[in-house]
């Protein structure tokens, strides 16, 4: 969601160059959340990676988990800030510091894929 889409697209480009075929879904609102799109994505891919630029507790990944557990439980990886307070600084440096880098997204994708094989 949000400004992380740029990094997601960068990660997807690198994954494609390695022979992977990630499906990118930009969910622009969490409430209401597009349950049909999430279910469709889970069915087509067999796993989900959520990417958000804030705390993963009670965030976008949690909302996606709620949808999945009710209808189509699949492995899920969450890229976001762990349960800690963030600090101020240059935006790109902070994203990398808190594990929101392109390589973190690539790693989460590969972990999710390994869980369904």
PDB file of N, CA and C in Angstrom:
ATOM      1  N   UNK A   1       0.843  -1.189   0.000  1.00  0.00           N
ATOM      2  CA  UNK A   1       0.000   0.000   0.000  1.00  0.00           C
ATOM      3  C   UNK A   1       0.878   1.239   0.000  1.00  0.00           C
ATOM      4  N   UNK A   2       0.343   2.322  -0.418  1.00  0.00           N
ATOM      5  CA  UNK A   2       0.993   3.618  -0.306  1.00  0.00           C
ATOM      6  C   UNK A   2       2.288   3.772  -1.067  1.00  0.00           C
ATOM      7  N   UNK A   3       3.201   4.515  -0.464  1.00  0.00           N
ATOM      8  CA  UNK A   3       4.450   4.872  -1.138  1.00  0.00           C
ATOM      9  C   UNK A   3       5.389   3.690  -1.322  1.00  0.00           C
ATOM     10  N   UNK A   4       5.118   2.568  -0.703  1.00  0.00           N
ATOM     11  CA  UNK A   4       5.972   1.393  -0.873  1.00  0.00           C
ATOM     12  C   UNK A   4       5.813   0.766  -2.262  1.00  0.00           C
ATOM     13  N   UNK A   5       4.808   1.179  -2.998  1.00  0.00           N
ATOM     14  CA  UNK A   5       4.580   0.597  -4.321  1.00  0.00           C
ATOM     15  C   UNK A   5       5.809   0.740  -5.221  1.00  0.00           C
ATOM     16  N   UNK A   6       6.509   1.850  -5.127  1.00  0.00           N
ATOM     17  CA  UNK A   6       7.717   2.032  -5.941  1.00  0.00           C
ATOM     18  C   UNK A   6       8.735   0.951  -5.643  1.00  0.00           C
ATOM     19  N   UNK A   7       8.949   0.666  -4.365  1.00  0.00           N
ATOM     20  CA  UNK A   7       9.907  -0.374  -3.993  1.00  0.00           C
ATOM     21  C   UNK A   7       9.400  -1.759  -4.386  1.00  0.00           C
ATOM     22  N   UNK A   8       8.116  -1.972  -4.289  1.00  0.00           N
ATOM     23  CA  UNK A   8       7.541  -3.244  -4.724  1.00  0.00           C
ATOM     24  C   UNK A   8       7.796  -3.452  -6.218  1.00  0.00           C
ATOM     25  N   UNK A   9       7.590  -2.415  -7.006  1.00  0.00           N
ATOM     26  CA  UNK A   9       7.830  -2.530  -8.454  1.00  0.00           C
ATOM     27  C   UNK A   9       9.304  -2.777  -8.758  1.00  0.00           C
ATOM     28  N   UNK A  10      10.197  -2.158  -7.999  1.00  0.00           N
ATOM     29  CA  UNK A  10      11.627  -2.414  -8.176  1.00  0.00           C
ATOM     30  C   UNK A  10      11.951  -3.871  -7.837  1.00  0.00           C
ATOM     31  N   UNK A  11      11.391  -4.367  -6.745  1.00  0.00           N
ATOM     32  CA  UNK A  11      11.610  -5.760  -6.361  1.00  0.00           C
ATOM     33  C   UNK A  11      11.051  -6.704  -7.418  1.00  0.00           C
ATOM     34  N   UNK A  12       9.873  -6.397  -7.927  1.00  0.00           N
ATOM     35  CA  UNK A  12       9.254  -7.244  -8.954  1.00  0.00           C
ATOM     36  C   UNK A  12      10.115  -7.290 -10.204  1.00  0.00           C
ATOM     37  N   UNK A  13      10.686  -6.176 -10.577  1.00  0.00           N
ATOM     38  CA  UNK A  13      11.561  -6.134 -11.750  1.00  0.00           C
ATOM     39  C   UNK A  13      12.775  -7.045 -11.556  1.00  0.00           C
ATOM     40  N   UNK A  14      13.368  -6.993 -10.380  1.00  0.00           N
ATOM     41  CA  UNK A  14      14.521  -7.858 -10.092  1.00  0.00           C
ATOM     42  C   UNK A  14      14.106  -9.329 -10.064  1.00  0.00           C
ATOM     43  N   UNK A  15      12.950  -9.617  -9.475  1.00  0.00           N
ATOM     44  CA  UNK A  15      12.458 -10.992  -9.440  1.00  0.00           C
ATOM     45  C   UNK A  15      12.191 -11.518 -10.843  1.00  0.00           C
ATOM     46  N   UNK A  16      11.608 -10.682 -11.693  1.00  0.00           N
ATOM     47  CA  UNK A  16      11.353 -11.092 -13.080  1.00  0.00           C
ATOM     48  C   UNK A  16      12.655 -11.392 -13.806  1.00  0.00           C
ATOM     49  N   UNK A  17      13.689 -10.612 -13.527  1.00  0.00           N
ATOM     50  CA  UNK A  17      14.985 -10.856 -14.180  1.00  0.00           C
ATOM     51  C   UNK A  17      15.602 -12.169 -13.712  1.00  0.00           C
ATOM     52  N   UNK A  18      15.148 -12.683 -12.568  1.00  0.00           N
ATOM     53  CA  UNK A  18      15.610 -13.978 -12.060  1.00  0.00           C
ATOM     54  C   UNK A  18      14.698 -15.120 -12.493  1.00  0.00           C
ATOM     55  N   UNK A  19      13.679 -14.822 -13.281  1.00  0.00           N
ATOM     56  CA  UNK A  19      12.789 -15.859 -13.789  1.00  0.00           C
ATOM     57  C   UNK A  19      11.520 -16.077 -12.987  1.00  0.00           C
ATOM     58  N   UNK A  20      11.271 -15.255 -11.980  1.00  0.00           N
ATOM     59  CA  UNK A  20      10.044 -15.358 -11.203  1.00  0.00           C
ATOM     60  C   UNK A  20       8.946 -14.541 -11.883  1.00  0.00           C
ATOM     61  N   UNK A  21       7.700 -14.790 -11.480  1.00  0.00           N
ATOM     62  CA  UNK A  21       6.572 -14.085 -12.073  1.00  0.00           C
ATOM     63  C   UNK A  21       5.652 -13.548 -10.973  1.00  0.00           C
ATOM     64  N   UNK A  22       6.089 -12.507 -10.255  1.00  0.00           N
ATOM     65  CA  UNK A  22       5.252 -11.990  -9.170  1.00  0.00           C
ATOM     66  C   UNK A  22       4.014 -11.273  -9.697  1.00  0.00           C
ATOM     67  N   UNK A  23       2.955 -11.363  -8.932  1.00  0.00           N
ATOM     68  CA  UNK A  23       1.727 -10.629  -9.243  1.00  0.00           C
ATOM     69  C   UNK A  23       1.664  -9.428  -8.303  1.00  0.00           C
ATOM     70  N   UNK A  24       1.550  -8.252  -8.850  1.00  0.00           N
ATOM     71  CA  UNK A  24       1.512  -7.024  -8.059  1.00  0.00           C
ATOM     72  C   UNK A  24       0.069  -6.549  -7.954  1.00  0.00           C
ATOM     73  N   UNK A  25      -0.359  -6.280  -6.732  1.00  0.00           N
ATOM     74  CA  UNK A  25      -1.693  -5.765  -6.490  1.00  0.00           C
ATOM     75  C   UNK A  25      -1.546  -4.528  -5.616  1.00  0.00           C
ATOM     76  N   UNK A  26      -2.044  -3.401  -6.078  1.00  0.00           N
ATOM     77  CA  UNK A  26      -2.005  -2.163  -5.312  1.00  0.00           C
ATOM     78  C   UNK A  26      -3.353  -1.970  -4.631  1.00  0.00           C
ATOM     79  N   UNK A  27      -3.375  -2.199  -3.335  1.00  0.00           N
ATOM     80  CA  UNK A  27      -4.596  -2.007  -2.561  1.00  0.00           C
ATOM     81  C   UNK A  27      -4.561  -0.586  -2.010  1.00  0.00           C
ATOM     82  N   UNK A  28      -5.430   0.272  -2.478  1.00  0.00           N
ATOM     83  CA  UNK A  28      -5.354   1.684  -2.111  1.00  0.00           C
ATOM     84  C   UNK A  28      -6.120   2.029  -0.842  1.00  0.00           C
ATOM     85  N   UNK A  29      -7.000   1.158  -0.376  1.00  0.00           N
ATOM     86  CA  UNK A  29      -7.689   1.410   0.884  1.00  0.00           C
ATOM     87  C   UNK A  29      -7.707   0.143   1.722  1.00  0.00           C
ATOM     88  N   UNK A  30      -7.582   0.319   3.019  1.00  0.00           N
ATOM     89  CA  UNK A  30      -7.663  -0.822   3.930  1.00  0.00           C
ATOM     90  C   UNK A  30      -9.086  -0.975   4.450  1.00  0.00           C
ATOM     91  N   UNK A  31      -9.796   0.142   4.539  1.00  0.00           N
ATOM     92  CA  UNK A  31     -11.195   0.081   4.941  1.00  0.00           C
ATOM     93  C   UNK A  31     -11.997   0.944   3.995  1.00  0.00           C
ATOM     94  N   UNK A  32     -12.796   0.375   3.148  1.00  0.00           N
ATOM     95  CA  UNK A  32     -13.033  -1.063   3.050  1.00  0.00           C
ATOM     96  C   UNK A  32     -11.895  -1.753   2.293  1.00  0.00           C
ATOM     97  N   UNK A  33     -11.621  -2.977   2.659  1.00  0.00           N
ATOM     98  CA  UNK A  33     -10.580  -3.747   1.983  1.00  0.00           C
ATOM     99  C   UNK A  33     -11.224  -4.582   0.882  1.00  0.00           C
ATOM    100  N   UNK A  34     -10.520  -4.729  -0.208  1.00  0.00           N
ATOM    101  CA  UNK A  34     -11.055  -5.451  -1.365  1.00  0.00           C
ATOM    102  C   UNK A  34     -10.876  -6.958  -1.144  1.00  0.00           C
ATOM    103  N   UNK A  35     -11.833  -7.557  -0.463  1.00  0.00           N
ATOM    104  CA  UNK A  35     -11.751  -8.979  -0.128  1.00  0.00           C
ATOM    105  C   UNK A  35     -11.706  -9.865  -1.363  1.00  0.00           C
ATOM    106  N   UNK A  36     -12.476  -9.533  -2.382  1.00  0.00           N
ATOM    107  CA  UNK A  36     -12.487 -10.346  -3.594  1.00  0.00           C
ATOM    108  C   UNK A  36     -11.129 -10.355  -4.272  1.00  0.00           C
ATOM    109  N   UNK A  37     -10.470  -9.210  -4.334  1.00  0.00           N
ATOM    110  CA  UNK A  37      -9.148  -9.126  -4.948  1.00  0.00           C
ATOM    111  C   UNK A  37      -8.125  -9.930  -4.156  1.00  0.00           C
ATOM    112  N   UNK A  38      -8.192  -9.876  -2.840  1.00  0.00           N
ATOM    113  CA  UNK A  38      -7.265 -10.642  -1.990  1.00  0.00           C
ATOM    114  C   UNK A  38      -7.493 -12.131  -2.177  1.00  0.00           C
ATOM    115  N   UNK A  39      -8.753 -12.560  -2.159  1.00  0.00           N
ATOM    116  CA  UNK A  39      -9.058 -13.982  -2.355  1.00  0.00           C
ATOM    117  C   UNK A  39      -8.593 -14.464  -3.732  1.00  0.00           C
ATOM    118  N   UNK A  40      -8.839 -13.650  -4.746  1.00  0.00           N
ATOM    119  CA  UNK A  40      -8.429 -14.002  -6.108  1.00  0.00           C
ATOM    120  C   UNK A  40      -6.907 -14.123  -6.196  1.00  0.00           C
ATOM    121  N   UNK A  41      -6.207 -13.194  -5.586  1.00  0.00           N
ATOM    122  CA  UNK A  41      -4.742 -13.239  -5.606  1.00  0.00           C
ATOM    123  C   UNK A  41      -4.219 -14.475  -4.892  1.00  0.00           C
ATOM    124  N   UNK A  42      -4.792 -14.789  -3.752  1.00  0.00           N
ATOM    125  CA  UNK A  42      -4.365 -15.969  -2.994  1.00  0.00           C
ATOM    126  C   UNK A  42      -4.603 -17.244  -3.797  1.00  0.00           C
ATOM    127  N   UNK A  43      -5.736 -17.300  -4.464  1.00  0.00           N
ATOM    128  CA  UNK A  43      -6.062 -18.479  -5.268  1.00  0.00           C
ATOM    129  C   UNK A  43      -5.087 -18.635  -6.440  1.00  0.00           C
ATOM    130  N   UNK A  44      -4.741 -17.532  -7.085  1.00  0.00           N
ATOM    131  CA  UNK A  44      -3.867 -17.590  -8.260  1.00  0.00           C
ATOM    132  C   UNK A  44      -2.396 -17.809  -7.917  1.00  0.00           C
ATOM    133  N   UNK A  45      -1.953 -17.298  -6.764  1.00  0.00           N
ATOM    134  CA  UNK A  45      -0.523 -17.355  -6.444  1.00  0.00           C
ATOM    135  C   UNK A  45      -0.156 -18.419  -5.423  1.00  0.00           C
ATOM    136  N   UNK A  46      -1.070 -18.763  -4.543  1.00  0.00           N
ATOM    137  CA  UNK A  46      -0.783 -19.757  -3.511  1.00  0.00           C
ATOM    138  C   UNK A  46      -0.118 -19.181  -2.276  1.00  0.00           C
ATOM    139  N   UNK A  47       0.257 -17.918  -2.309  1.00  0.00           N
ATOM    140  CA  UNK A  47       0.814 -17.234  -1.139  1.00  0.00           C
ATOM    141  C   UNK A  47       0.694 -15.738  -1.354  1.00  0.00           C
ATOM    142  N   UNK A  48       0.850 -14.988  -0.257  1.00  0.00           N
ATOM    143  CA  UNK A  48       0.700 -13.528  -0.296  1.00  0.00           C
ATOM    144  C   UNK A  48       1.885 -12.885   0.430  1.00  0.00           C
ATOM    145  N   UNK A  49       2.388 -11.810  -0.140  1.00  0.00           N
ATOM    146  CA  UNK A  49       3.361 -10.952   0.533  1.00  0.00           C
ATOM    147  C   UNK A  49       2.719  -9.578   0.661  1.00  0.00           C
ATOM    148  N   UNK A  50       2.595  -9.085   1.886  1.00  0.00           N
ATOM    149  CA  UNK A  50       2.071  -7.733   2.079  1.00  0.00           C
ATOM    150  C   UNK A  50       3.245  -6.811   2.393  1.00  0.00           C
ATOM    151  N   UNK A  51       3.163  -5.596   1.890  1.00  0.00           N
ATOM    152  CA  UNK A  51       4.226  -4.604   2.081  1.00  0.00           C
ATOM    153  C   UNK A  51       3.575  -3.301   2.531  1.00  0.00           C
ATOM    154  N   UNK A  52       4.042  -2.797   3.666  1.00  0.00           N
ATOM    155  CA  UNK A  52       3.486  -1.554   4.204  1.00  0.00           C
ATOM    156  C   UNK A  52       4.587  -0.781   4.910  1.00  0.00           C
ATOM    157  N   UNK A  53       4.423   0.538   4.980  1.00  0.00           N
ATOM    158  CA  UNK A  53       5.472   1.376   5.548  1.00  0.00           C
ATOM    159  C   UNK A  53       5.199   1.785   6.993  1.00  0.00           C
ATOM    160  N   UNK A  54       4.549   0.922   7.721  1.00  0.00           N
ATOM    161  CA  UNK A  54       4.312   1.215   9.137  1.00  0.00           C
ATOM    162  C   UNK A  54       4.301  -0.091   9.908  1.00  0.00           C
ATOM    163  N   UNK A  55       3.956  -0.034  11.174  1.00  0.00           N
ATOM    164  CA  UNK A  55       3.969  -1.202  12.039  1.00  0.00           C
ATOM    165  C   UNK A  55       3.063  -2.301  11.490  1.00  0.00           C
ATOM    166  N   UNK A  56       3.579  -3.519  11.473  1.00  0.00           N
ATOM    167  CA  UNK A  56       2.789  -4.625  10.928  1.00  0.00           C
ATOM    168  C   UNK A  56       1.697  -5.089  11.881  1.00  0.00           C
ATOM    169  N   UNK A  57       1.796  -4.722  13.162  1.00  0.00           N
ATOM    170  CA  UNK A  57       0.753  -5.110  14.116  1.00  0.00           C
ATOM    171  C   UNK A  57      -0.488  -4.260  13.902  1.00  0.00           C
ATOM    172  N   UNK A  58      -1.569  -4.897  13.545  1.00  0.00           N
ATOM    173  CA  UNK A  58      -2.819  -4.179  13.337  1.00  0.00           C
ATOM    174  C   UNK A  58      -2.860  -3.366  12.060  1.00  0.00           C
ATOM    175  N   UNK A  59      -1.977  -3.667  11.134  1.00  0.00           N
ATOM    176  CA  UNK A  59      -1.902  -2.901   9.899  1.00  0.00           C
ATOM    177  C   UNK A  59      -2.497  -3.637   8.712  1.00  0.00           C
ATOM    178  N   UNK A  60      -1.970  -3.298   7.546  1.00  0.00           N
ATOM    179  CA  UNK A  60      -2.459  -3.866   6.296  1.00  0.00           C
ATOM    180  C   UNK A  60      -2.306  -5.392   6.264  1.00  0.00           C
ATOM    181  N   UNK A  61      -1.131  -5.884   6.659  1.00  0.00           N
ATOM    182  CA  UNK A  61      -0.911  -7.334   6.662  1.00  0.00           C
ATOM    183  C   UNK A  61      -1.901  -8.066   7.546  1.00  0.00           C
ATOM    184  N   UNK A  62      -2.208  -7.483   8.698  1.00  0.00           N
ATOM    185  CA  UNK A  62      -3.197  -8.086   9.599  1.00  0.00           C
ATOM    186  C   UNK A  62      -4.582  -8.116   8.957  1.00  0.00           C
ATOM    187  N   UNK A  63      -4.927  -7.052   8.252  1.00  0.00           N
ATOM    188  CA  UNK A  63      -6.232  -7.004   7.576  1.00  0.00           C
ATOM    189  C   UNK A  63      -6.318  -8.058   6.485  1.00  0.00           C
ATOM    190  N   UNK A  64      -5.241  -8.235   5.744  1.00  0.00           N
ATOM    191  CA  UNK A  64      -5.206  -9.269   4.705  1.00  0.00           C
ATOM    192  C   UNK A  64      -5.311 -10.648   5.351  1.00  0.00           C
ATOM    193  N   UNK A  65      -4.618 -10.850   6.464  1.00  0.00           N
ATOM    194  CA  UNK A  65      -4.693 -12.140   7.179  1.00  0.00           C
ATOM    195  C   UNK A  65      -6.118 -12.472   7.592  1.00  0.00           C
ATOM    196  N   UNK A  66      -6.851 -11.464   8.040  1.00  0.00           N
ATOM    197  CA  UNK A  66      -8.241 -11.693   8.436  1.00  0.00           C
ATOM    198  C   UNK A  66      -9.067 -12.199   7.262  1.00  0.00           C
ATOM    199  N   UNK A  67      -8.851 -11.620   6.099  1.00  0.00           N
ATOM    200  CA  UNK A  67      -9.583 -12.056   4.907  1.00  0.00           C
ATOM    201  C   UNK A  67      -9.188 -13.484   4.553  1.00  0.00           C
ATOM    202  N   UNK A  68      -7.897 -13.750   4.544  1.00  0.00           N
ATOM    203  CA  UNK A  68      -7.409 -15.062   4.127  1.00  0.00           C
ATOM    204  C   UNK A  68      -7.848 -16.177   5.074  1.00  0.00           C
ATOM    205  N   UNK A  69      -7.801 -15.927   6.376  1.00  0.00           N
ATOM    206  CA  UNK A  69      -8.132 -17.002   7.315  1.00  0.00           C
ATOM    207  C   UNK A  69      -9.605 -17.376   7.243  1.00  0.00           C
ATOM    208  N   UNK A  70     -10.446 -16.474   6.768  1.00  0.00           N
ATOM    209  CA  UNK A  70     -11.871 -16.763   6.670  1.00  0.00           C
ATOM    210  C   UNK A  70     -12.241 -17.530   5.410  1.00  0.00           C
ATOM    211  N   UNK A  71     -11.403 -17.426   4.369  1.00  0.00           N
ATOM    212  CA  UNK A  71     -11.848 -17.986   3.096  1.00  0.00           C
ATOM    213  C   UNK A  71     -10.805 -18.806   2.357  1.00  0.00           C
ATOM    214  N   UNK A  72      -9.559 -18.416   2.421  1.00  0.00           N
ATOM    215  CA  UNK A  72      -8.534 -19.082   1.617  1.00  0.00           C
ATOM    216  C   UNK A  72      -7.184 -19.006   2.320  1.00  0.00           C
ATOM    217  N   UNK A  73      -6.998 -19.774   3.397  1.00  0.00           N
ATOM    218  CA  UNK A  73      -5.729 -19.701   4.118  1.00  0.00           C
ATOM    219  C   UNK A  73      -4.558 -20.121   3.226  1.00  0.00           C
ATOM    220  N   UNK A  74      -3.615 -19.213   3.050  1.00  0.00           N
ATOM    221  CA  UNK A  74      -2.386 -19.490   2.307  1.00  0.00           C
ATOM    222  C   UNK A  74      -1.230 -18.889   3.100  1.00  0.00           C
ATOM    223  N   UNK A  75       0.006 -19.337   2.832  1.00  0.00           N
ATOM    224  CA  UNK A  75       1.147 -18.708   3.495  1.00  0.00           C
ATOM    225  C   UNK A  75       1.195 -17.217   3.197  1.00  0.00           C
ATOM    226  N   UNK A  76       1.617 -16.455   4.195  1.00  0.00           N
ATOM    227  CA  UNK A  76       1.707 -15.005   4.041  1.00  0.00           C
ATOM    228  C   UNK A  76       3.000 -14.518   4.678  1.00  0.00           C
ATOM    229  N   UNK A  77       3.694 -13.655   3.980  1.00  0.00           N
ATOM    230  CA  UNK A  77       4.869 -12.958   4.498  1.00  0.00           C
ATOM    231  C   UNK A  77       4.506 -11.489   4.625  1.00  0.00           C
ATOM    232  N   UNK A  78       4.975 -10.846   5.692  1.00  0.00           N
ATOM    233  CA  UNK A  78       4.690  -9.425   5.901  1.00  0.00           C
ATOM    234  C   UNK A  78       5.981  -8.627   5.928  1.00  0.00           C
ATOM    235  N   UNK A  79       6.052  -7.627   5.082  1.00  0.00           N
ATOM    236  CA  UNK A  79       7.166  -6.682   5.086  1.00  0.00           C
ATOM    237  C   UNK A  79       6.629  -5.381   5.665  1.00  0.00           C
ATOM    238  N   UNK A  80       7.173  -4.964   6.783  1.00  0.00           N
ATOM    239  CA  UNK A  80       6.745  -3.750   7.456  1.00  0.00           C
ATOM    240  C   UNK A  80       7.622  -3.527   8.665  1.00  0.00           C
ATOM    241  N   UNK A  81       7.319  -2.511   9.414  1.00  0.00           N
ATOM    242  CA  UNK A  81       8.104  -2.198  10.605  1.00  0.00           C
ATOM    243  C   UNK A  81       7.690  -3.148  11.723  1.00  0.00           C
ATOM    244  N   UNK A  82       8.684  -3.800  12.332  1.00  0.00           N
ATOM    245  CA  UNK A  82       8.408  -4.676  13.470  1.00  0.00           C
ATOM    246  C   UNK A  82       7.875  -3.838  14.626  1.00  0.00           C
ATOM    247  N   UNK A  83       7.468  -4.475  15.671  1.00  0.00           N
ATOM    248  CA  UNK A  83       6.845  -3.787  16.803  1.00  0.00           C
ATOM    249  C   UNK A  83       7.855  -2.899  17.532  1.00  0.00           C
ATOM    250  N   UNK A  84       8.065  -1.718  16.987  1.00  0.00           N
ATOM    251  CA  UNK A  84       8.976  -0.743  17.599  1.00  0.00           C
ATOM    252  C   UNK A  84       8.578   0.653  17.145  1.00  0.00           C
ATOM    253  N   UNK A  85       9.030   1.638  17.886  1.00  0.00           N
ATOM    254  CA  UNK A  85       8.761   3.016  17.504  1.00  0.00           C
ATOM    255  C   UNK A  85       9.762   3.441  16.451  1.00  0.00           C
ATOM    256  N   UNK A  86       9.302   4.156  15.468  1.00  0.00           N
ATOM    257  CA  UNK A  86      10.174   4.648  14.401  1.00  0.00           C
ATOM    258  C   UNK A  86      10.796   5.973  14.837  1.00  0.00           C
ATOM    259  N   UNK A  87      11.768   6.410  14.067  1.00  0.00           N
ATOM    260  CA  UNK A  87      12.436   7.675  14.357  1.00  0.00           C
ATOM    261  C   UNK A  87      12.408   8.562  13.127  1.00  0.00           C
ATOM    262  N   UNK A  88      12.875   9.765  13.271  1.00  0.00           N
ATOM    263  CA  UNK A  88      12.905  10.706  12.153  1.00  0.00           C
ATOM    264  C   UNK A  88      14.233  10.620  11.432  1.00  0.00           C
ATOM    265  N   UNK A  89      14.213  10.936  10.145  1.00  0.00           N
ATOM    266  CA  UNK A  89      15.429  10.949   9.350  1.00  0.00           C
ATOM    267  C   UNK A  89      15.083  10.931   7.881  1.00  0.00           C
ATOM    268  N   UNK A  90      16.111  10.831   7.029  1.00  0.00           N
ATOM    269  CA  UNK A  90      15.859  10.751   5.578  1.00  0.00           C
ATOM    270  C   UNK A  90      15.001   9.521   5.252  1.00  0.00           C
ATOM    271  N   UNK A  91      13.946   9.758   4.489  1.00  0.00           N
ATOM    272  CA  UNK A  91      12.927   8.737   4.224  1.00  0.00           C
ATOM    273  C   UNK A  91      13.510   7.421   3.708  1.00  0.00           C
ATOM    274  N   UNK A  92      14.299   7.465   2.642  1.00  0.00           N
ATOM    275  CA  UNK A  92      14.830   6.223   2.063  1.00  0.00           C
ATOM    276  C   UNK A  92      15.723   5.479   3.045  1.00  0.00           C
ATOM    277  N   UNK A  93      16.512   6.196   3.814  1.00  0.00           N
ATOM    278  CA  UNK A  93      17.381   5.548   4.803  1.00  0.00           C
ATOM    279  C   UNK A  93      16.558   4.867   5.893  1.00  0.00           C
ATOM    280  N   UNK A  94      15.490   5.517   6.322  1.00  0.00           N
ATOM    281  CA  UNK A  94      14.633   4.913   7.344  1.00  0.00           C
ATOM    282  C   UNK A  94      13.932   3.663   6.829  1.00  0.00           C
ATOM    283  N   UNK A  95      13.464   3.700   5.584  1.00  0.00           N
ATOM    284  CA  UNK A  95      12.828   2.509   5.022  1.00  0.00           C
ATOM    285  C   UNK A  95      13.791   1.334   5.032  1.00  0.00           C
ATOM    286  N   UNK A  96      15.022   1.572   4.621  1.00  0.00           N
ATOM    287  CA  UNK A  96      16.018   0.496   4.624  1.00  0.00           C
ATOM    288  C   UNK A  96      16.332   0.039   6.043  1.00  0.00           C
ATOM    289  N   UNK A  97      16.474   0.972   6.963  1.00  0.00           N
ATOM    290  CA  UNK A  97      16.793   0.640   8.351  1.00  0.00           C
ATOM    291  C   UNK A  97      15.747  -0.277   8.967  1.00  0.00           C
ATOM    292  N   UNK A  98      14.485  -0.023   8.671  1.00  0.00           N
ATOM    293  CA  UNK A  98      13.411  -0.798   9.276  1.00  0.00           C
ATOM    294  C   UNK A  98      12.973  -2.000   8.436  1.00  0.00           C
ATOM    295  N   UNK A  99      13.823  -2.420   7.509  1.00  0.00           N
ATOM    296  CA  UNK A  99      13.551  -3.641   6.752  1.00  0.00           C
ATOM    297  C   UNK A  99      12.539  -3.493   5.644  1.00  0.00           C
ATOM    298  N   UNK A 100      12.448  -2.293   5.086  1.00  0.00           N
ATOM    299  CA  UNK A 100      11.477  -2.048   4.018  1.00  0.00           C
ATOM    300  C   UNK A 100      12.168  -1.821   2.678  1.00  0.00           C
ATOM    301  N   UNK A 101      13.328  -2.405   2.511  1.00  0.00           N
ATOM    302  CA  UNK A 101      14.076  -2.242   1.278  1.00  0.00           C
ATOM    303  C   UNK A 101      13.630  -3.204   0.193  1.00  0.00           C
ATOM    304  N   UNK A 102      14.082  -2.937  -1.000  1.00  0.00           N
ATOM    305  CA  UNK A 102      13.773  -3.796  -2.142  1.00  0.00           C
ATOM    306  C   UNK A 102      14.206  -5.234  -1.852  1.00  0.00           C
ATOM    307  N   UNK A 103      15.383  -5.387  -1.264  1.00  0.00           N
ATOM    308  CA  UNK A 103      15.881  -6.742  -0.987  1.00  0.00           C
ATOM    309  C   UNK A 103      15.037  -7.446   0.066  1.00  0.00           C
ATOM    310  N   UNK A 104      14.453  -6.706   0.997  1.00  0.00           N
ATOM    311  CA  UNK A 104      13.551  -7.313   1.982  1.00  0.00           C
ATOM    312  C   UNK A 104      12.294  -7.845   1.305  1.00  0.00           C
ATOM    313  N   UNK A 105      11.795  -7.112   0.326  1.00  0.00           N
ATOM    314  CA  UNK A 105      10.601  -7.546  -0.413  1.00  0.00           C
ATOM    315  C   UNK A 105      10.922  -8.791  -1.235  1.00  0.00           C
ATOM    316  N   UNK A 106      12.074  -8.793  -1.892  1.00  0.00           N
ATOM    317  CA  UNK A 106      12.493  -9.956  -2.673  1.00  0.00           C
ATOM    318  C   UNK A 106      12.624 -11.174  -1.771  1.00  0.00           C
ATOM    319  N   UNK A 107      13.252 -11.001  -0.618  1.00  0.00           N
ATOM    320  CA  UNK A 107      13.424 -12.108   0.328  1.00  0.00           C
ATOM    321  C   UNK A 107      12.072 -12.648   0.792  1.00  0.00           C
ATOM    322  N   UNK A 108      11.132 -11.750   1.103  1.00  0.00           N
ATOM    323  CA  UNK A 108       9.801 -12.186   1.539  1.00  0.00           C
ATOM    324  C   UNK A 108       9.086 -12.961   0.438  1.00  0.00           C
ATOM    325  N   UNK A 109       9.233 -12.509  -0.801  1.00  0.00           N
ATOM    326  CA  UNK A 109       8.619 -13.219  -1.933  1.00  0.00           C
ATOM    327  C   UNK A 109       9.177 -14.640  -2.024  1.00  0.00           C
ATOM    328  N   UNK A 110      10.493 -14.749  -1.954  1.00  0.00           N
ATOM    329  CA  UNK A 110      11.119 -16.069  -2.085  1.00  0.00           C
ATOM    330  C   UNK A 110      10.768 -16.981  -0.900  1.00  0.00           C
ATOM    331  N   UNK A 111      10.640 -16.403   0.286  1.00  0.00           N
ATOM    332  CA  UNK A 111      10.206 -17.192   1.443  1.00  0.00           C
ATOM    333  C   UNK A 111       8.788 -17.695   1.269  1.00  0.00           C
ATOM    334  N   UNK A 112       7.893 -16.830   0.808  1.00  0.00           N
ATOM    335  CA  UNK A 112       6.520 -17.226   0.584  1.00  0.00           C
ATOM    336  C   UNK A 112       6.412 -18.309  -0.473  1.00  0.00           C
ATOM    337  N   UNK A 113       7.155 -18.160  -1.556  1.00  0.00           N
ATOM    338  CA  UNK A 113       7.140 -19.150  -2.618  1.00  0.00           C
ATOM    339  C   UNK A 113       7.656 -20.498  -2.123  1.00  0.00           C
ATOM    340  N   UNK A 114       8.687 -20.485  -1.304  1.00  0.00           N
ATOM    341  CA  UNK A 114       9.240 -21.726  -0.762  1.00  0.00           C
ATOM    342  C   UNK A 114       8.239 -22.441   0.134  1.00  0.00           C
ATOM    343  N   UNK A 115       7.356 -21.691   0.769  1.00  0.00           N
ATOM    344  CA  UNK A 115       6.361 -22.296   1.667  1.00  0.00           C
ATOM    345  C   UNK A 115       5.261 -23.038   0.924  1.00  0.00           C
ATOM    346  N   UNK A 116       5.071 -22.752  -0.369  1.00  0.00           N
ATOM    347  CA  UNK A 116       4.020 -23.440  -1.124  1.00  0.00           C
ATOM    348  C   UNK A 116       4.565 -24.557  -2.003  1.00  0.00           C
ATOM    349  N   UNK A 117       5.853 -24.668  -2.096  1.00  0.00           N
ATOM    350  CA  UNK A 117       6.433 -25.720  -2.948  1.00  0.00           C
ATOM    351  C   UNK A 117       6.619 -27.006  -2.188  1.00  0.00           C
TER     352      UNK A 117
END
